[in-house]
Each structure stands twice: as C-alpha cells, then as structure tokens.
Amino acid sequence: MSRLHSRHRLNLFIERDHARRLDELSAKKGVSKSSIVAAALASWLSPDAADKREAAMAKRLDRL
C-alpha cells in the first residue's frame, strides 16, 4: 500500500439496532459513519480506555 493511503478497508457486520443508531448519529452530526466508527475504535484502543472500562465495570458490580 502506498504512503498516500494511510487507512485500511474493513468490512464488518453489526447488529441491526447499532446500524440504525449509527445512521441516526451520522445524519444528526453531519459526519460519515466511518468517522464515527474510527473515533469509537480509537477511544476503545486508547491506553486510558482500559482503566475507564475497568472502573465502570467495578462501579456496576458494586451496585449488585
């Protein structure tokens, strides 16, 4: 792949409800669905994301 293309194509299947919500958000914000998914993935993969997920899970478990 040349340096002109810094992105990789990925085809995936998502739940129908997620697809509907992604369509709605894309239209509401006026941005592409790809950009929303890319931002969500970047957030999920960020170094501090694991700490945030762990804290959220601990909070939920404490409620039980």
N, C-alpha and C. Protein backbone atom coordinates (compact mmCIF):
# COMPACT_ATOMS: atom_id res chain seq x y z
N MET A 1 0.85 -1.17 0.00
CA MET A 1 0.00 0.00 0.00
C MET A 1 0.89 1.24 0.00
N SER A 2 0.57 2.19 -0.80
CA SER A 2 1.39 3.40 -0.89
C SER A 2 1.21 4.29 0.32
N ARG A 3 2.09 5.22 0.50
CA ARG A 3 2.01 6.14 1.63
C ARG A 3 0.84 7.10 1.50
N LEU A 4 0.29 7.22 0.30
CA LEU A 4 -0.85 8.12 0.09
C LEU A 4 -2.10 7.61 0.80
N HIS A 5 -2.16 6.32 1.03
CA HIS A 5 -3.32 5.72 1.68
C HIS A 5 -2.93 5.26 3.08
N SER A 6 -3.33 6.02 4.09
CA SER A 6 -2.95 5.67 5.45
C SER A 6 -4.06 4.90 6.17
N ARG A 7 -5.14 4.64 5.48
CA ARG A 7 -6.25 3.91 6.09
C ARG A 7 -6.38 2.54 5.45
N HIS A 8 -6.97 1.63 6.19
CA HIS A 8 -7.22 0.27 5.70
C HIS A 8 -8.71 0.02 5.65
N ARG A 9 -9.15 -0.68 4.65
CA ARG A 9 -10.57 -1.01 4.49
C ARG A 9 -10.90 -2.21 5.36
N LEU A 10 -12.05 -2.15 6.02
CA LEU A 10 -12.52 -3.25 6.86
C LEU A 10 -14.02 -3.39 6.66
N ASN A 11 -14.44 -4.56 6.30
CA ASN A 11 -15.87 -4.85 6.16
C ASN A 11 -16.29 -5.66 7.38
N LEU A 12 -17.39 -5.26 8.01
CA LEU A 12 -17.83 -5.98 9.18
C LEU A 12 -19.35 -5.98 9.26
N PHE A 13 -19.87 -6.84 10.09
CA PHE A 13 -21.30 -6.95 10.32
C PHE A 13 -21.58 -6.42 11.71
N ILE A 14 -22.66 -5.62 11.84
CA ILE A 14 -23.06 -5.11 13.14
C ILE A 14 -24.54 -5.40 13.35
N GLU A 15 -24.96 -5.34 14.59
CA GLU A 15 -26.36 -5.57 14.92
C GLU A 15 -27.24 -4.54 14.23
N ARG A 16 -28.44 -4.94 13.89
CA ARG A 16 -29.38 -4.05 13.19
C ARG A 16 -29.63 -2.76 13.98
N ASP A 17 -29.80 -2.87 15.29
CA ASP A 17 -30.04 -1.69 16.12
C ASP A 17 -28.83 -0.76 16.12
N HIS A 18 -27.64 -1.32 16.15
CA HIS A 18 -26.43 -0.49 16.10
C HIS A 18 -26.33 0.23 14.76
N ALA A 19 -26.69 -0.45 13.70
CA ALA A 19 -26.66 0.17 12.37
C ALA A 19 -27.64 1.33 12.30
N ARG A 20 -28.83 1.13 12.87
CA ARG A 20 -29.84 2.20 12.88
C ARG A 20 -29.34 3.40 13.68
N ARG A 21 -28.78 3.14 14.84
CA ARG A 21 -28.29 4.23 15.69
C ARG A 21 -27.10 4.94 15.04
N LEU A 22 -26.27 4.19 14.35
CA LEU A 22 -25.14 4.78 13.64
C LEU A 22 -25.63 5.68 12.51
N ASP A 23 -26.63 5.23 11.78
CA ASP A 23 -27.24 6.04 10.72
C ASP A 23 -27.79 7.34 11.29
N GLU A 24 -28.52 7.24 12.41
CA GLU A 24 -29.12 8.41 13.03
C GLU A 24 -28.06 9.41 13.50
N LEU A 25 -27.02 8.91 14.15
CA LEU A 25 -25.97 9.79 14.65
C LEU A 25 -25.22 10.46 13.51
N SER A 26 -24.95 9.70 12.47
CA SER A 26 -24.25 10.23 11.30
C SER A 26 -25.04 11.38 10.68
N ALA A 27 -26.35 11.18 10.53
CA ALA A 27 -27.21 12.22 9.95
C ALA A 27 -27.29 13.43 10.87
N LYS A 28 -27.44 13.18 12.16
CA LYS A 28 -27.58 14.27 13.15
C LYS A 28 -26.32 15.13 13.21
N LYS A 29 -25.16 14.48 13.22
CA LYS A 29 -23.89 15.20 13.35
C LYS A 29 -23.33 15.67 12.02
N GLY A 30 -23.84 15.12 10.92
CA GLY A 30 -23.35 15.50 9.60
C GLY A 30 -21.95 14.99 9.31
N VAL A 31 -21.64 13.82 9.85
CA VAL A 31 -20.33 13.20 9.62
C VAL A 31 -20.55 11.79 9.08
N SER A 32 -19.50 11.22 8.53
CA SER A 32 -19.62 9.88 7.96
C SER A 32 -19.69 8.82 9.06
N LYS A 33 -20.33 7.71 8.72
CA LYS A 33 -20.38 6.59 9.65
C LYS A 33 -18.97 6.06 9.92
N SER A 34 -18.13 6.09 8.89
CA SER A 34 -16.75 5.62 9.06
C SER A 34 -16.01 6.46 10.10
N SER A 35 -16.24 7.76 10.09
CA SER A 35 -15.53 8.62 11.05
C SER A 35 -16.02 8.36 12.47
N ILE A 36 -17.30 8.05 12.64
CA ILE A 36 -17.83 7.73 13.96
C ILE A 36 -17.23 6.43 14.47
N VAL A 37 -17.21 5.42 13.61
CA VAL A 37 -16.64 4.13 13.99
C VAL A 37 -15.15 4.26 14.28
N ALA A 38 -14.44 5.04 13.48
CA ALA A 38 -13.00 5.24 13.70
C ALA A 38 -12.75 5.92 15.04
N ALA A 39 -13.56 6.92 15.38
CA ALA A 39 -13.41 7.62 16.65
C ALA A 39 -13.71 6.68 17.82
N ALA A 40 -14.75 5.86 17.68
CA ALA A 40 -15.10 4.92 18.73
C ALA A 40 -13.98 3.89 18.93
N LEU A 41 -13.42 3.41 17.84
CA LEU A 41 -12.34 2.44 17.92
C LEU A 41 -11.10 3.06 18.55
N ALA A 42 -10.78 4.28 18.17
CA ALA A 42 -9.62 4.97 18.75
C ALA A 42 -9.81 5.14 20.25
N SER A 43 -11.02 5.48 20.66
CA SER A 43 -11.30 5.64 22.08
C SER A 43 -11.16 4.30 22.81
N TRP A 44 -11.70 3.25 22.23
CA TRP A 44 -11.64 1.93 22.84
C TRP A 44 -10.19 1.44 22.98
N LEU A 45 -9.36 1.75 21.99
CA LEU A 45 -7.98 1.27 21.99
C LEU A 45 -7.00 2.18 22.71
N SER A 46 -7.45 3.34 23.18
CA SER A 46 -6.54 4.27 23.84
C SER A 46 -6.04 3.67 25.16
N PRO A 47 -4.84 4.02 25.56
CA PRO A 47 -4.25 3.44 26.77
C PRO A 47 -5.11 3.64 28.02
N ASP A 48 -5.75 4.77 28.17
CA ASP A 48 -6.54 5.01 29.38
C ASP A 48 -7.94 4.41 29.28
N ALA A 49 -8.32 3.93 28.11
CA ALA A 49 -9.65 3.34 27.94
C ALA A 49 -9.82 2.10 28.81
N ALA A 50 -8.77 1.30 28.94
CA ALA A 50 -8.85 0.08 29.75
C ALA A 50 -9.14 0.44 31.20
N ASP A 51 -8.50 1.48 31.70
CA ASP A 51 -8.74 1.92 33.08
C ASP A 51 -10.18 2.40 33.26
N LYS A 52 -10.68 3.14 32.27
CA LYS A 52 -12.06 3.64 32.35
C LYS A 52 -13.05 2.48 32.31
N ARG A 53 -12.81 1.50 31.44
CA ARG A 53 -13.70 0.34 31.36
C ARG A 53 -13.69 -0.43 32.67
N GLU A 54 -12.50 -0.61 33.24
CA GLU A 54 -12.39 -1.34 34.50
C GLU A 54 -13.13 -0.62 35.62
N ALA A 55 -12.99 0.71 35.67
CA ALA A 55 -13.69 1.49 36.70
C ALA A 55 -15.20 1.41 36.52
N ALA A 56 -15.66 1.48 35.28
CA ALA A 56 -17.09 1.39 35.02
C ALA A 56 -17.62 0.01 35.41
N MET A 57 -16.87 -1.03 35.10
CA MET A 57 -17.29 -2.38 35.45
C MET A 57 -17.33 -2.54 36.96
N ALA A 58 -16.33 -2.03 37.67
CA ALA A 58 -16.31 -2.12 39.13
C ALA A 58 -17.51 -1.39 39.72
N LYS A 59 -17.84 -0.24 39.17
CA LYS A 59 -18.98 0.53 39.66
C LYS A 59 -20.28 -0.24 39.47
N ARG A 60 -20.43 -0.88 38.33
CA ARG A 60 -21.63 -1.67 38.06
C ARG A 60 -21.71 -2.88 39.01
N LEU A 61 -20.57 -3.52 39.22
CA LEU A 61 -20.57 -4.69 40.11
C LEU A 61 -20.87 -4.28 41.54
N ASP A 62 -20.40 -3.11 41.95
CA ASP A 62 -20.69 -2.63 43.30
C ASP A 62 -22.17 -2.42 43.52
N ARG A 63 -22.89 -2.05 42.47
CA ARG A 63 -24.33 -1.84 42.58
C ARG A 63 -25.08 -3.13 42.82
N LEU A 64 -24.48 -4.23 42.35
CA LEU A 64 -25.12 -5.54 42.54
C LEU A 64 -24.95 -5.97 43.98
